[in-house]
Protein backbone atom coordinates (compact mmCIF):
# COMPACT_ATOMS: atom_id res chain seq x y z
CA LEU A 1 39.00 82.21 27.73
CA THR A 2 39.68 79.38 30.18
CA ILE A 3 42.83 78.16 28.44
CA ALA A 4 44.08 81.72 27.86
CA THR A 5 43.71 82.43 31.58
CA LEU A 6 45.45 79.19 32.52
CA LYS A 7 48.34 79.95 30.15
CA ARG A 8 48.84 83.30 31.89
CA THR A 9 48.61 81.99 35.44
CA VAL A 10 49.66 78.32 35.67
CA PRO A 11 53.39 77.56 35.55
CA PRO A 12 54.56 75.09 32.88
CA ALA A 13 55.97 72.85 35.63
CA MET A 14 52.39 71.97 36.67
CA PRO A 15 51.78 68.44 35.31
CA GLY A 16 48.08 68.88 34.57
CA ILE A 17 44.85 70.82 34.83
CA PHE A 18 41.87 68.67 35.73
CA PHE A 19 38.29 69.92 35.56
CA LEU A 20 35.27 68.32 37.16
CA SER A 21 33.16 66.81 34.38
CA GLY A 22 30.24 68.05 36.45
CA GLU A 23 26.68 68.98 35.87
CA THR A 24 25.08 70.28 32.71
CA ARG A 25 21.57 71.45 31.94
CA ILE A 26 18.95 68.76 32.53
CA GLU A 27 18.25 68.35 28.81
CA GLU A 28 21.93 67.76 28.00
CA ASP A 29 23.81 64.49 27.98
CA ASN A 30 26.45 65.46 30.52
CA GLU A 31 28.84 62.68 29.47
CA GLU A 32 28.82 63.68 25.83
CA THR A 33 28.88 67.41 26.59
CA ALA A 34 31.86 67.01 28.93
CA THR A 35 33.71 64.87 26.37
CA ARG A 36 32.98 67.37 23.60
CA ASN A 37 34.15 70.31 25.74
CA LEU A 38 37.37 68.54 26.68
CA ASN A 39 38.01 67.61 23.05
CA ASN A 40 37.40 71.18 21.87
CA MET A 41 39.91 72.59 24.37
CA ASN A 42 42.60 70.08 23.42
CA LYS A 43 41.91 70.42 19.70
CA ALA A 44 42.07 74.22 19.76
CA PHE A 45 45.15 74.48 21.97
CA LYS A 46 47.84 72.05 20.82
CA GLY A 47 51.18 71.91 22.60
CA LEU A 48 50.08 73.11 26.03
CA PRO A 49 52.75 72.76 28.72
CA TRP A 50 50.43 70.60 30.84
CA THR A 51 47.77 67.97 30.29
CA VAL A 52 44.20 69.29 30.18
CA SER A 53 41.68 66.69 31.27
CA PHE A 54 38.96 66.12 33.83
CA SER A 55 38.39 63.95 36.85
CA PHE A 56 36.16 61.56 34.92
CA GLY A 57 33.36 61.33 37.45
CA LYS A 58 30.05 61.50 35.66
CA ALA A 59 31.65 61.78 32.24
CA LEU A 60 32.89 58.23 32.60
CA GLN A 61 30.48 56.47 34.94
CA LYS A 62 26.88 57.53 34.26
CA THR A 63 26.04 55.30 31.29
CA CYS A 64 27.85 52.37 32.85
CA ILE A 65 25.95 52.64 36.13
CA VAL A 66 22.58 53.18 34.45
CA THR A 67 23.24 50.21 32.14
CA TRP A 68 24.32 47.92 34.97
CA MET A 69 21.47 48.68 37.43
CA ALA A 70 23.07 46.17 39.85
CA LYS A 71 21.92 43.25 37.69
CA GLU A 72 24.30 40.43 36.88
CA GLU A 73 22.85 40.04 33.39
CA ASN A 74 23.83 43.64 32.56
CA VAL A 75 27.51 43.34 33.52
CA GLY A 76 28.76 42.77 29.96
CA LYS A 77 26.76 45.67 28.55
CA ALA A 78 27.91 47.93 31.40
CA GLN A 79 31.55 46.99 30.78
CA ALA A 80 31.12 47.75 27.08
CA ALA A 81 29.59 51.13 27.96
CA LEU A 82 32.52 51.90 30.28
CA ARG A 83 35.05 50.95 27.59
CA ALA A 84 33.25 53.17 25.05
CA ARG A 85 33.27 56.19 27.40
CA ALA A 86 36.90 55.57 28.35
CA ARG A 87 37.86 55.45 24.66
CA ALA A 88 35.90 58.66 23.91
CA ASN A 89 37.54 60.51 26.80
CA SER A 90 41.00 59.22 25.91
CA GLU A 91 40.52 60.61 22.41
CA ALA A 92 39.19 63.91 23.82
CA VAL A 93 42.35 64.38 25.93
CA ARG A 94 44.28 64.19 22.65
CA GLY A 95 41.81 66.45 20.80
CA ILE A 96 40.90 63.75 18.27
CA TYR A 97 37.42 62.71 19.48
CA VAL A 98 34.77 62.38 16.78
CA GLU A 99 31.17 61.72 17.78
């Protein structure tokens, strides 16, 4: 429904549509849910006239920040977590993310 509405109302000249990765139910992993939702939209609707993505707030940062906890000894693990989320979201933008 979201993509169908956007196709009817957003001109093709618009370079991109960016959603907030936002909040999910407390029992959900909001990073994974956001990545999965983004992937599903891009997988189902190939060839859109604009990029469909999100602003990568919580969907990119949460695990990294929780892993780091402001401790020097956690920097490497936090960087690895950030790289993993960035890779997952990059794949989701192309509709090729696999959990």
